[in-house]
Amino acid sequence: METNLENIVSGIKNDGYFIIKNYYSIEQCNDILNDIQNIPHHQKYKAEGKDIRIHTFEQFSSGAKKFLNDETLLSIGNNVLGHKVDNIKKRCQLGLLKYQHGEECSGGGWHVDNHNPQFKALLYLTNVNLNNGPFAIISPPLTSKDYNAISLEKNTRFSDKIEEDYKNNIHYLTGNMGDVIVVNTQNIHRGTIIKEGERISLTNYYYDN
């Protein structure tokens, strides 16, 4: 589909994120979902938020590989970071988040992926409402330099107190199957706790180091 690169890049710089609606068709998403059955069991692991992840799903899905190498997304990343995204390390991760009664499950707590600007693209493969564990971000953008962190490691973590301090600035990025979220993960964000149903998504990670 046609996208306005200037508007998207401006949105990311001003708000920390941009949602591209209907970027993938339902048919394309279903093709990717069908590839999940091709994953060897040993490739799956439970993350800190108890969601199931497959780190390099592009090895098992041609649709995921296409998403990882999408020229429009790479161009957005180039403009956000100021250098060529496709010259650095990248991977496409499948995330499976399913509600289980009595067991808190999310994509992890509040964090940043890097202290410096870092680009990420996320494709919803299921419809995601406020109860399905949507991606959340604090906007206007807040970085690890703006708030006291639990640790100062590369993957900086923050306490849940941040929700009280910035309760009016939390944006819950709900969407439909086929919507893509492009985001600067230097800004504080998280996958929220799932309350019902499931959330399946692809996430492109682009690494400077």
N, C-alpha and C. Protein backbone atom coordinates (compact mmCIF):
# COMPACT_ATOMS: atom_id res chain seq x y z
N MET A 1 0.84 -1.19 0.00
CA MET A 1 0.00 0.00 0.00
C MET A 1 0.88 1.24 0.00
N GLU A 2 0.30 2.37 -0.41
CA GLU A 2 1.05 3.61 -0.50
C GLU A 2 1.21 4.23 0.89
N THR A 3 2.39 4.73 1.19
CA THR A 3 2.64 5.37 2.47
C THR A 3 3.30 6.72 2.25
N ASN A 4 3.11 7.63 3.19
CA ASN A 4 3.73 8.95 3.15
C ASN A 4 4.93 8.92 4.07
N LEU A 5 6.11 8.75 3.50
CA LEU A 5 7.33 8.57 4.28
C LEU A 5 7.58 9.76 5.20
N GLU A 6 7.40 10.96 4.69
CA GLU A 6 7.67 12.16 5.49
C GLU A 6 6.78 12.22 6.73
N ASN A 7 5.48 11.91 6.55
CA ASN A 7 4.56 11.94 7.69
C ASN A 7 4.90 10.88 8.72
N ILE A 8 5.29 9.69 8.25
CA ILE A 8 5.62 8.60 9.16
C ILE A 8 6.86 8.93 9.98
N VAL A 9 7.90 9.39 9.32
CA VAL A 9 9.15 9.73 10.01
C VAL A 9 8.92 10.87 10.99
N SER A 10 8.14 11.87 10.58
CA SER A 10 7.82 12.98 11.48
C SER A 10 7.05 12.50 12.70
N GLY A 11 6.10 11.57 12.48
CA GLY A 11 5.34 11.02 13.59
C GLY A 11 6.21 10.30 14.59
N ILE A 12 7.17 9.51 14.09
CA ILE A 12 8.07 8.78 14.98
C ILE A 12 8.94 9.74 15.78
N LYS A 13 9.43 10.77 15.12
CA LYS A 13 10.30 11.72 15.81
C LYS A 13 9.55 12.54 16.85
N ASN A 14 8.28 12.86 16.56
CA ASN A 14 7.50 13.69 17.48
C ASN A 14 6.82 12.87 18.58
N ASP A 15 6.31 11.70 18.21
CA ASP A 15 5.51 10.91 19.15
C ASP A 15 6.21 9.64 19.63
N GLY A 16 7.27 9.24 18.93
CA GLY A 16 7.97 8.00 19.27
C GLY A 16 7.51 6.81 18.45
N TYR A 17 6.36 6.95 17.75
CA TYR A 17 5.80 5.84 17.00
C TYR A 17 4.88 6.34 15.89
N PHE A 18 4.51 5.42 14.99
CA PHE A 18 3.50 5.70 13.98
C PHE A 18 2.83 4.37 13.64
N ILE A 19 1.51 4.38 13.45
CA ILE A 19 0.78 3.17 13.08
C ILE A 19 0.40 3.25 11.60
N ILE A 20 0.86 2.29 10.82
CA ILE A 20 0.49 2.21 9.40
C ILE A 20 -0.67 1.22 9.29
N LYS A 21 -1.85 1.73 9.01
CA LYS A 21 -3.05 0.89 8.98
C LYS A 21 -3.09 0.03 7.71
N ASN A 22 -3.55 -1.21 7.89
CA ASN A 22 -3.79 -2.13 6.76
C ASN A 22 -2.56 -2.30 5.85
N TYR A 23 -1.39 -2.36 6.46
CA TYR A 23 -0.16 -2.49 5.67
C TYR A 23 -0.07 -3.86 5.02
N TYR A 24 -0.54 -4.88 5.74
CA TYR A 24 -0.63 -6.23 5.20
C TYR A 24 -2.10 -6.63 5.09
N SER A 25 -2.42 -7.43 4.07
CA SER A 25 -3.78 -7.90 3.90
C SER A 25 -4.05 -9.07 4.85
N ILE A 26 -5.31 -9.39 5.05
CA ILE A 26 -5.69 -10.54 5.88
C ILE A 26 -5.11 -11.82 5.29
N GLU A 27 -5.13 -11.93 3.95
CA GLU A 27 -4.58 -13.11 3.29
C GLU A 27 -3.09 -13.27 3.57
N GLN A 28 -2.33 -12.16 3.50
CA GLN A 28 -0.90 -12.21 3.79
C GLN A 28 -0.64 -12.62 5.23
N CYS A 29 -1.44 -12.09 6.14
CA CYS A 29 -1.28 -12.43 7.56
C CYS A 29 -1.59 -13.91 7.80
N ASN A 30 -2.64 -14.40 7.17
CA ASN A 30 -2.99 -15.81 7.34
C ASN A 30 -1.91 -16.74 6.80
N ASP A 31 -1.27 -16.35 5.70
CA ASP A 31 -0.17 -17.14 5.16
C ASP A 31 0.97 -17.24 6.18
N ILE A 32 1.25 -16.13 6.85
CA ILE A 32 2.31 -16.13 7.87
C ILE A 32 1.89 -16.99 9.06
N LEU A 33 0.64 -16.86 9.47
CA LEU A 33 0.15 -17.67 10.59
C LEU A 33 0.24 -19.16 10.28
N ASN A 34 0.01 -19.54 9.04
CA ASN A 34 0.10 -20.94 8.65
C ASN A 34 1.53 -21.47 8.77
N ASP A 35 2.52 -20.57 8.68
CA ASP A 35 3.91 -20.99 8.76
C ASP A 35 4.34 -21.35 10.18
N ILE A 36 3.52 -21.01 11.17
CA ILE A 36 3.88 -21.30 12.56
C ILE A 36 4.06 -22.80 12.78
N GLN A 37 3.31 -23.61 12.04
CA GLN A 37 3.41 -25.06 12.19
C GLN A 37 4.76 -25.60 11.71
N ASN A 38 5.54 -24.78 11.00
CA ASN A 38 6.84 -25.23 10.49
C ASN A 38 7.97 -25.06 11.50
N ILE A 39 7.67 -24.51 12.66
CA ILE A 39 8.73 -24.18 13.63
C ILE A 39 9.09 -25.41 14.46
N PRO A 40 10.35 -25.81 14.48
CA PRO A 40 10.78 -26.90 15.37
C PRO A 40 10.56 -26.52 16.83
N HIS A 41 10.18 -27.47 17.65
CA HIS A 41 9.85 -27.17 19.04
C HIS A 41 11.02 -26.53 19.78
N HIS A 42 12.25 -26.93 19.47
CA HIS A 42 13.40 -26.40 20.22
C HIS A 42 13.68 -24.94 19.91
N GLN A 43 13.04 -24.38 18.88
CA GLN A 43 13.24 -22.98 18.54
C GLN A 43 12.37 -22.05 19.41
N LYS A 44 11.38 -22.62 20.11
CA LYS A 44 10.47 -21.81 20.90
C LYS A 44 11.02 -21.64 22.32
N TYR A 45 10.82 -20.46 22.88
CA TYR A 45 11.21 -20.27 24.28
C TYR A 45 10.30 -19.26 24.95
N LYS A 46 10.19 -19.37 26.28
CA LYS A 46 9.38 -18.43 27.05
C LYS A 46 10.24 -17.25 27.46
N ALA A 47 9.74 -16.04 27.16
CA ALA A 47 10.47 -14.83 27.51
C ALA A 47 10.15 -14.42 28.94
N GLU A 48 10.74 -13.30 29.36
CA GLU A 48 10.53 -12.81 30.72
C GLU A 48 9.06 -12.57 31.01
N GLY A 49 8.30 -12.13 30.00
CA GLY A 49 6.88 -11.87 30.19
C GLY A 49 6.02 -13.10 30.01
N LYS A 50 6.64 -14.29 29.91
CA LYS A 50 5.97 -15.58 29.75
C LYS A 50 5.27 -15.74 28.41
N ASP A 51 5.58 -14.86 27.47
CA ASP A 51 5.09 -15.05 26.12
C ASP A 51 6.05 -15.98 25.39
N ILE A 52 5.56 -16.65 24.35
CA ILE A 52 6.40 -17.55 23.56
C ILE A 52 7.00 -16.78 22.40
N ARG A 53 8.31 -16.94 22.19
CA ARG A 53 8.99 -16.21 21.12
C ARG A 53 9.82 -17.16 20.25
N ILE A 54 9.89 -16.84 18.98
CA ILE A 54 10.78 -17.52 18.05
C ILE A 54 11.67 -16.43 17.46
N HIS A 55 12.93 -16.44 17.85
CA HIS A 55 13.84 -15.34 17.57
C HIS A 55 14.00 -15.03 16.08
N THR A 56 14.20 -16.07 15.27
CA THR A 56 14.51 -15.85 13.85
C THR A 56 13.45 -16.55 12.99
N PHE A 57 12.25 -16.03 13.07
CA PHE A 57 11.12 -16.64 12.37
C PHE A 57 11.27 -16.55 10.86
N GLU A 58 12.10 -15.62 10.38
CA GLU A 58 12.33 -15.50 8.92
C GLU A 58 12.94 -16.76 8.33
N GLN A 59 13.53 -17.61 9.18
CA GLN A 59 14.10 -18.87 8.71
C GLN A 59 13.01 -19.91 8.39
N PHE A 60 11.81 -19.68 8.91
CA PHE A 60 10.73 -20.66 8.76
C PHE A 60 9.53 -20.13 7.98
N SER A 61 9.56 -18.85 7.63
CA SER A 61 8.42 -18.23 6.97
C SER A 61 8.88 -17.26 5.89
N SER A 62 8.46 -17.51 4.66
CA SER A 62 8.81 -16.59 3.57
C SER A 62 8.13 -15.24 3.78
N GLY A 63 6.93 -15.25 4.38
CA GLY A 63 6.24 -13.99 4.67
C GLY A 63 6.98 -13.16 5.70
N ALA A 64 7.52 -13.83 6.72
CA ALA A 64 8.31 -13.12 7.73
C ALA A 64 9.59 -12.57 7.12
N LYS A 65 10.21 -13.34 6.23
CA LYS A 65 11.43 -12.88 5.56
C LYS A 65 11.14 -11.65 4.70
N LYS A 66 9.99 -11.66 4.03
CA LYS A 66 9.59 -10.50 3.22
C LYS A 66 9.36 -9.28 4.10
N PHE A 67 8.71 -9.49 5.24
CA PHE A 67 8.46 -8.40 6.18
C PHE A 67 9.78 -7.81 6.69
N LEU A 68 10.73 -8.68 7.01
CA LEU A 68 12.02 -8.23 7.53
C LEU A 68 12.76 -7.37 6.53
N ASN A 69 12.62 -7.70 5.23
CA ASN A 69 13.37 -7.00 4.19
C ASN A 69 12.52 -6.00 3.41
N ASP A 70 11.37 -5.63 3.98
CA ASP A 70 10.46 -4.69 3.33
C ASP A 70 11.17 -3.35 3.07
N GLU A 71 11.21 -2.93 1.81
CA GLU A 71 11.97 -1.73 1.43
C GLU A 71 11.40 -0.46 2.04
N THR A 72 10.07 -0.38 2.15
CA THR A 72 9.47 0.81 2.75
C THR A 72 9.85 0.94 4.22
N LEU A 73 9.78 -0.17 4.95
CA LEU A 73 10.14 -0.14 6.36
C LEU A 73 11.62 0.18 6.54
N LEU A 74 12.46 -0.38 5.68
CA LEU A 74 13.89 -0.07 5.75
C LEU A 74 14.14 1.40 5.47
N SER A 75 13.41 1.97 4.53
CA SER A 75 13.56 3.39 4.22
C SER A 75 13.13 4.26 5.39
N ILE A 76 12.05 3.86 6.07
CA ILE A 76 11.63 4.59 7.27
C ILE A 76 12.73 4.54 8.32
N GLY A 77 13.28 3.35 8.54
CA GLY A 77 14.37 3.20 9.50
C GLY A 77 15.58 4.03 9.14
N ASN A 78 15.93 4.06 7.86
CA ASN A 78 17.07 4.87 7.42
C ASN A 78 16.90 6.32 7.81
N ASN A 79 15.69 6.83 7.62
CA ASN A 79 15.41 8.24 7.90
C ASN A 79 15.32 8.53 9.39
N VAL A 80 14.83 7.58 10.16
CA VAL A 80 14.74 7.77 11.60
C VAL A 80 16.13 7.75 12.25
N LEU A 81 16.97 6.81 11.81
CA LEU A 81 18.28 6.63 12.43
C LEU A 81 19.37 7.48 11.79
N GLY A 82 19.15 7.88 10.53
CA GLY A 82 20.17 8.68 9.85
C GLY A 82 21.25 7.86 9.21
N HIS A 83 21.05 6.55 9.09
CA HIS A 83 22.00 5.69 8.38
C HIS A 83 21.24 4.48 7.86
N LYS A 84 21.86 3.66 7.04
CA LYS A 84 21.17 2.56 6.37
C LYS A 84 20.90 1.40 7.34
N VAL A 85 19.63 1.16 7.58
CA VAL A 85 19.22 0.07 8.46
C VAL A 85 19.64 -1.27 7.90
N ASP A 86 19.55 -1.43 6.56
CA ASP A 86 19.80 -2.75 5.98
C ASP A 86 21.28 -3.12 5.93
N ASN A 87 22.13 -2.26 6.46
CA ASN A 87 23.56 -2.60 6.56
C ASN A 87 23.92 -3.11 7.94
N ILE A 88 22.94 -3.23 8.82
CA ILE A 88 23.22 -3.69 10.18
C ILE A 88 22.46 -4.98 10.46
N LYS A 89 22.76 -5.58 11.58
CA LYS A 89 22.16 -6.87 11.95
C LYS A 89 20.65 -6.71 12.12
N LYS A 90 19.90 -7.71 11.66
CA LYS A 90 18.44 -7.65 11.78
C LYS A 90 17.88 -9.06 11.91
N ARG A 91 16.68 -9.14 12.49
CA ARG A 91 15.98 -10.42 12.60
C ARG A 91 14.50 -10.15 12.76
N CYS A 92 13.68 -11.16 12.46
CA CYS A 92 12.22 -11.05 12.60
C CYS A 92 11.77 -12.05 13.65
N GLN A 93 11.17 -11.57 14.70
CA GLN A 93 10.75 -12.42 15.82
C GLN A 93 9.23 -12.61 15.82
N LEU A 94 8.81 -13.86 16.00
CA LEU A 94 7.40 -14.16 16.19
C LEU A 94 7.09 -14.14 17.68
N GLY A 95 6.00 -13.48 18.04
CA GLY A 95 5.58 -13.43 19.43
C GLY A 95 4.18 -14.00 19.60
N LEU A 96 4.04 -14.97 20.51
CA LEU A 96 2.75 -15.63 20.79
C LEU A 96 2.38 -15.34 22.23
N LEU A 97 1.34 -14.54 22.42
CA LEU A 97 0.89 -14.15 23.75
C LEU A 97 -0.54 -14.62 23.93
N LYS A 98 -0.78 -15.49 24.93
CA LYS A 98 -2.11 -16.06 25.12
C LYS A 98 -2.52 -15.96 26.58
N TYR A 99 -3.77 -15.55 26.80
CA TYR A 99 -4.25 -15.41 28.17
C TYR A 99 -4.40 -16.78 28.83
N GLN A 100 -3.89 -16.88 30.06
CA GLN A 100 -4.05 -18.08 30.88
C GLN A 100 -4.51 -17.65 32.27
N HIS A 101 -5.66 -18.14 32.69
CA HIS A 101 -6.25 -17.73 33.96
C HIS A 101 -5.27 -17.98 35.11
N GLY A 102 -5.08 -16.94 35.91
CA GLY A 102 -4.23 -17.06 37.08
C GLY A 102 -2.75 -16.88 36.81
N GLU A 103 -2.37 -16.64 35.56
CA GLU A 103 -0.95 -16.48 35.23
C GLU A 103 -0.76 -15.19 34.44
N GLU A 104 -0.10 -14.23 35.08
CA GLU A 104 0.17 -12.95 34.42
C GLU A 104 1.09 -13.17 33.24
N CYS A 105 0.72 -12.61 32.10
CA CYS A 105 1.50 -12.85 30.89
C CYS A 105 1.53 -11.57 30.06
N SER A 106 2.73 -11.15 29.69
CA SER A 106 2.88 -9.93 28.90
C SER A 106 4.18 -10.01 28.12
N GLY A 107 4.48 -8.95 27.40
CA GLY A 107 5.75 -8.88 26.69
C GLY A 107 6.88 -8.37 27.56
N GLY A 108 6.65 -8.29 28.87
CA GLY A 108 7.68 -7.76 29.77
C GLY A 108 7.29 -6.38 30.28
N GLY A 109 8.04 -5.87 31.23
CA GLY A 109 7.73 -4.57 31.84
C GLY A 109 8.24 -3.40 31.02
N TRP A 110 8.16 -2.22 31.63
CA TRP A 110 8.61 -0.99 30.98
C TRP A 110 10.12 -1.03 30.76
N HIS A 111 10.57 -0.70 29.55
CA HIS A 111 11.99 -0.78 29.23
C HIS A 111 12.31 0.02 27.97
N VAL A 112 13.58 0.14 27.66
CA VAL A 112 14.03 0.61 26.36
C VAL A 112 14.91 -0.48 25.77
N ASP A 113 14.98 -0.56 24.44
CA ASP A 113 15.83 -1.55 23.79
C ASP A 113 17.28 -1.08 23.73
N ASN A 114 17.47 0.24 23.72
CA ASN A 114 18.80 0.81 23.59
C ASN A 114 18.79 2.23 24.12
N HIS A 115 19.92 2.70 24.65
CA HIS A 115 20.01 4.09 25.10
C HIS A 115 20.02 5.05 23.91
N ASN A 116 20.44 4.57 22.77
CA ASN A 116 20.51 5.39 21.56
C ASN A 116 19.34 5.06 20.65
N PRO A 117 19.04 5.91 19.66
CA PRO A 117 17.93 5.63 18.75
C PRO A 117 18.03 4.24 18.13
N GLN A 118 16.94 3.50 18.16
CA GLN A 118 16.90 2.17 17.57
C GLN A 118 15.52 1.94 16.96
N PHE A 119 15.50 1.42 15.76
CA PHE A 119 14.25 1.28 15.00
C PHE A 119 13.70 -0.14 15.10
N LYS A 120 12.36 -0.24 15.23
CA LYS A 120 11.70 -1.53 15.29
C LYS A 120 10.36 -1.43 14.55
N ALA A 121 9.97 -2.51 13.87
CA ALA A 121 8.68 -2.55 13.19
C ALA A 121 7.91 -3.77 13.67
N LEU A 122 6.64 -3.58 14.02
CA LEU A 122 5.81 -4.64 14.60
C LEU A 122 4.54 -4.81 13.76
N LEU A 123 4.26 -6.04 13.35
CA LEU A 123 3.08 -6.37 12.55
C LEU A 123 2.11 -7.18 13.40
N TYR A 124 0.88 -6.69 13.57
CA TYR A 124 -0.15 -7.45 14.26
C TYR A 124 -0.71 -8.51 13.31
N LEU A 125 -0.65 -9.77 13.75
CA LEU A 125 -1.21 -10.87 12.97
C LEU A 125 -2.59 -11.28 13.48
N THR A 126 -3.04 -10.64 14.55
CA THR A 126 -4.40 -10.81 15.09
C THR A 126 -4.92 -9.43 15.44
N ASN A 127 -6.24 -9.30 15.56
CA ASN A 127 -6.81 -8.05 16.03
C ASN A 127 -6.43 -7.86 17.50
N VAL A 128 -6.02 -6.64 17.85
CA VAL A 128 -5.52 -6.37 19.21
C VAL A 128 -6.29 -5.21 19.81
N ASN A 129 -7.04 -5.51 20.90
CA ASN A 129 -7.74 -4.44 21.62
C ASN A 129 -7.03 -4.21 22.96
N LEU A 130 -7.64 -3.41 23.82
CA LEU A 130 -7.00 -3.08 25.10
C LEU A 130 -6.80 -4.28 26.00
N ASN A 131 -7.56 -5.36 25.76
CA ASN A 131 -7.46 -6.55 26.62
C ASN A 131 -6.51 -7.62 26.07
N ASN A 132 -6.02 -7.43 24.84
CA ASN A 132 -5.18 -8.46 24.20
C ASN A 132 -3.68 -8.21 24.37
N GLY A 133 -3.29 -7.35 25.29
CA GLY A 133 -1.88 -7.08 25.51
C GLY A 133 -1.24 -6.21 24.45
N PRO A 134 -1.83 -5.04 24.14
CA PRO A 134 -1.26 -4.19 23.09
C PRO A 134 0.09 -3.61 23.47
N PHE A 135 0.83 -3.23 22.45
CA PHE A 135 2.08 -2.49 22.63
C PHE A 135 1.72 -1.14 23.25
N ALA A 136 2.51 -0.69 24.22
CA ALA A 136 2.26 0.60 24.87
C ALA A 136 3.55 1.41 24.90
N ILE A 137 3.41 2.73 24.79
CA ILE A 137 4.57 3.61 24.79
C ILE A 137 4.21 4.90 25.49
N ILE A 138 5.18 5.52 26.14
CA ILE A 138 4.96 6.82 26.77
C ILE A 138 5.26 7.90 25.73
N SER A 139 4.31 8.79 25.52
CA SER A 139 4.42 9.83 24.51
C SER A 139 3.75 11.11 25.03
N PRO A 140 4.41 12.29 24.90
CA PRO A 140 5.65 12.54 24.17
C PRO A 140 6.77 11.62 24.66
N PRO A 141 7.70 11.31 23.73
CA PRO A 141 8.73 10.30 23.99
C PRO A 141 9.54 10.56 25.26
N LEU A 142 9.80 9.47 25.98
CA LEU A 142 10.58 9.51 27.21
C LEU A 142 11.69 8.47 27.08
N THR A 143 12.94 8.88 27.26
CA THR A 143 14.07 7.96 27.11
C THR A 143 14.63 7.57 28.48
N SER A 144 15.63 6.70 28.46
CA SER A 144 16.27 6.26 29.71
C SER A 144 17.01 7.40 30.40
N LYS A 145 17.28 8.47 29.68
CA LYS A 145 17.97 9.62 30.27
C LYS A 145 16.99 10.53 31.00
N ASP A 146 15.69 10.29 30.80
CA ASP A 146 14.66 11.17 31.35
C ASP A 146 14.02 10.64 32.63
N TYR A 147 14.33 9.38 33.01
CA TYR A 147 13.63 8.76 34.14
C TYR A 147 14.58 7.81 34.86
N ASN A 148 14.48 7.76 36.18
CA ASN A 148 15.36 6.88 36.96
C ASN A 148 15.06 5.43 36.66
N ALA A 149 16.10 4.68 36.31
CA ALA A 149 15.94 3.29 35.91
C ALA A 149 16.29 2.34 37.05
N ILE A 150 15.78 1.12 36.96
CA ILE A 150 16.16 0.08 37.91
C ILE A 150 17.61 -0.31 37.69
N SER A 151 18.01 -0.38 36.41
CA SER A 151 19.38 -0.75 36.07
C SER A 151 19.82 0.09 34.89
N LEU A 152 21.12 0.15 34.68
CA LEU A 152 21.67 0.91 33.57
C LEU A 152 22.32 0.00 32.55
N GLU A 153 21.81 -1.22 32.45
CA GLU A 153 22.28 -2.13 31.43
C GLU A 153 21.73 -1.69 30.09
N LYS A 154 22.18 -2.34 29.03
CA LYS A 154 21.71 -1.96 27.70
C LYS A 154 20.19 -2.01 27.61
N ASN A 155 19.58 -3.10 28.10
CA ASN A 155 18.13 -3.22 28.11
C ASN A 155 17.61 -2.67 29.44
N THR A 156 17.58 -1.37 29.54
CA THR A 156 17.22 -0.71 30.79
C THR A 156 15.78 -1.00 31.17
N ARG A 157 15.56 -1.32 32.44
CA ARG A 157 14.24 -1.63 32.96
C ARG A 157 13.78 -0.54 33.93
N PHE A 158 12.46 -0.38 34.01
CA PHE A 158 11.89 0.64 34.87
C PHE A 158 10.80 0.03 35.74
N SER A 159 10.59 0.62 36.91
CA SER A 159 9.56 0.11 37.82
C SER A 159 8.18 0.53 37.32
N ASP A 160 7.15 -0.15 37.84
CA ASP A 160 5.78 0.17 37.44
C ASP A 160 5.34 1.54 37.95
N LYS A 161 6.15 2.16 38.82
CA LYS A 161 5.81 3.50 39.30
C LYS A 161 5.72 4.50 38.16
N ILE A 162 6.37 4.17 37.07
CA ILE A 162 6.34 5.06 35.91
C ILE A 162 4.91 5.23 35.39
N GLU A 163 4.07 4.21 35.61
CA GLU A 163 2.68 4.31 35.18
C GLU A 163 1.92 5.37 35.97
N GLU A 164 2.27 5.55 37.24
CA GLU A 164 1.64 6.58 38.05
C GLU A 164 2.15 7.96 37.64
N ASP A 165 3.45 8.04 37.41
CA ASP A 165 4.06 9.33 37.09
C ASP A 165 3.66 9.84 35.71
N TYR A 166 3.36 8.93 34.79
CA TYR A 166 3.04 9.33 33.42
C TYR A 166 1.72 8.73 32.95
N LYS A 167 0.76 8.61 33.87
CA LYS A 167 -0.50 7.95 33.55
C LYS A 167 -1.27 8.63 32.42
N ASN A 168 -1.07 9.92 32.24
CA ASN A 168 -1.76 10.64 31.18
C ASN A 168 -1.00 10.63 29.86
N ASN A 169 0.15 9.99 29.86
CA ASN A 169 0.99 9.98 28.65
C ASN A 169 1.20 8.58 28.08
N ILE A 170 0.49 7.59 28.62
CA ILE A 170 0.64 6.23 28.12
C ILE A 170 -0.30 6.03 26.94
N HIS A 171 0.26 5.63 25.81
CA HIS A 171 -0.51 5.36 24.60
C HIS A 171 -0.56 3.85 24.38
N TYR A 172 -1.77 3.29 24.35
CA TYR A 172 -1.96 1.86 24.10
C TYR A 172 -2.25 1.69 22.61
N LEU A 173 -1.34 1.03 21.90
CA LEU A 173 -1.43 0.97 20.44
C LEU A 173 -2.20 -0.26 19.99
N THR A 174 -3.51 -0.15 20.06
CA THR A 174 -4.39 -1.21 19.58
C THR A 174 -4.42 -1.18 18.04
N GLY A 175 -4.90 -2.25 17.44
CA GLY A 175 -4.95 -2.28 15.99
C GLY A 175 -5.56 -3.57 15.47
N ASN A 176 -5.65 -3.66 14.16
CA ASN A 176 -6.23 -4.83 13.50
C ASN A 176 -5.16 -5.68 12.84
N MET A 177 -5.53 -6.89 12.52
CA MET A 177 -4.65 -7.76 11.75
C MET A 177 -4.16 -7.01 10.50
N GLY A 178 -2.86 -6.94 10.31
CA GLY A 178 -2.29 -6.27 9.15
C GLY A 178 -1.76 -4.88 9.43
N ASP A 179 -2.06 -4.31 10.60
CA ASP A 179 -1.52 -3.00 10.97
C ASP A 179 -0.06 -3.15 11.40
N VAL A 180 0.75 -2.15 11.06
CA VAL A 180 2.17 -2.16 11.43
C VAL A 180 2.49 -0.94 12.29
N ILE A 181 3.18 -1.19 13.39
CA ILE A 181 3.66 -0.12 14.27
C ILE A 181 5.15 0.05 14.03
N VAL A 182 5.57 1.27 13.68
CA VAL A 182 6.99 1.57 13.53
C VAL A 182 7.37 2.50 14.68
N VAL A 183 8.49 2.22 15.34
CA VAL A 183 8.76 2.88 16.61
C VAL A 183 10.25 3.03 16.86
N ASN A 184 10.61 4.09 17.58
CA ASN A 184 11.97 4.28 18.06
C ASN A 184 12.01 3.70 19.47
N THR A 185 12.67 2.56 19.64
CA THR A 185 12.66 1.88 20.93
C THR A 185 13.74 2.37 21.88
N GLN A 186 14.29 3.54 21.59
CA GLN A 186 15.06 4.29 22.57
C GLN A 186 14.09 4.87 23.62
N ASN A 187 12.83 4.97 23.23
CA ASN A 187 11.80 5.52 24.09
C ASN A 187 11.17 4.42 24.94
N ILE A 188 10.73 4.76 26.14
CA ILE A 188 10.23 3.78 27.10
C ILE A 188 8.90 3.19 26.62
N HIS A 189 8.82 1.85 26.62
CA HIS A 189 7.66 1.15 26.08
C HIS A 189 7.54 -0.22 26.75
N ARG A 190 6.49 -0.96 26.39
CA ARG A 190 6.31 -2.31 26.90
C ARG A 190 5.21 -3.01 26.11
N GLY A 191 5.14 -4.34 26.25
CA GLY A 191 3.97 -5.09 25.86
C GLY A 191 3.12 -5.23 27.11
N THR A 192 1.84 -4.88 27.04
CA THR A 192 1.01 -4.87 28.24
C THR A 192 0.49 -6.26 28.59
N ILE A 193 0.00 -6.39 29.81
CA ILE A 193 -0.48 -7.68 30.31
C ILE A 193 -1.77 -8.06 29.60
N ILE A 194 -1.84 -9.29 29.13
CA ILE A 194 -3.02 -9.76 28.40
C ILE A 194 -4.11 -10.20 29.39
N LYS A 195 -5.35 -9.82 29.06
CA LYS A 195 -6.49 -10.11 29.93
C LYS A 195 -7.47 -11.09 29.30
N GLU A 196 -7.37 -11.26 27.99
CA GLU A 196 -8.26 -12.21 27.30
C GLU A 196 -7.71 -12.51 25.92
N GLY A 197 -8.10 -13.66 25.36
CA GLY A 197 -7.75 -13.99 23.98
C GLY A 197 -6.26 -14.20 23.77
N GLU A 198 -5.80 -13.75 22.61
CA GLU A 198 -4.39 -13.91 22.27
C GLU A 198 -3.91 -12.74 21.41
N ARG A 199 -2.60 -12.56 21.38
CA ARG A 199 -1.99 -11.59 20.49
C ARG A 199 -0.82 -12.27 19.79
N ILE A 200 -0.85 -12.29 18.47
CA ILE A 200 0.25 -12.86 17.70
C ILE A 200 0.83 -11.73 16.85
N SER A 201 2.13 -11.63 16.83
CA SER A 201 2.75 -10.51 16.12
C SER A 201 4.13 -10.90 15.58
N LEU A 202 4.57 -10.14 14.60
CA LEU A 202 5.95 -10.20 14.13
C LEU A 202 6.64 -8.90 14.53
N THR A 203 7.90 -9.00 14.92
CA THR A 203 8.66 -7.80 15.26
C THR A 203 10.01 -7.85 14.57
N ASN A 204 10.29 -6.84 13.76
CA ASN A 204 11.61 -6.69 13.14
C ASN A 204 12.51 -5.91 14.07
N TYR A 205 13.65 -6.51 14.42
CA TYR A 205 14.67 -5.86 15.23
C TYR A 205 15.84 -5.49 14.34
N TYR A 206 16.31 -4.25 14.45
CA TYR A 206 17.47 -3.80 13.69
C TYR A 206 18.51 -3.31 14.69
N TYR A 207 19.71 -3.92 14.63
CA TYR A 207 20.74 -3.66 15.63
C TYR A 207 21.89 -2.87 15.06
N ASP A 208 22.34 -1.86 15.84
CA ASP A 208 23.56 -1.13 15.49
C ASP A 208 24.78 -1.89 15.99
N ASN A 209 24.60 -2.67 17.06
CA ASN A 209 25.74 -3.40 17.64
C ASN A 209 25.24 -4.67 18.30
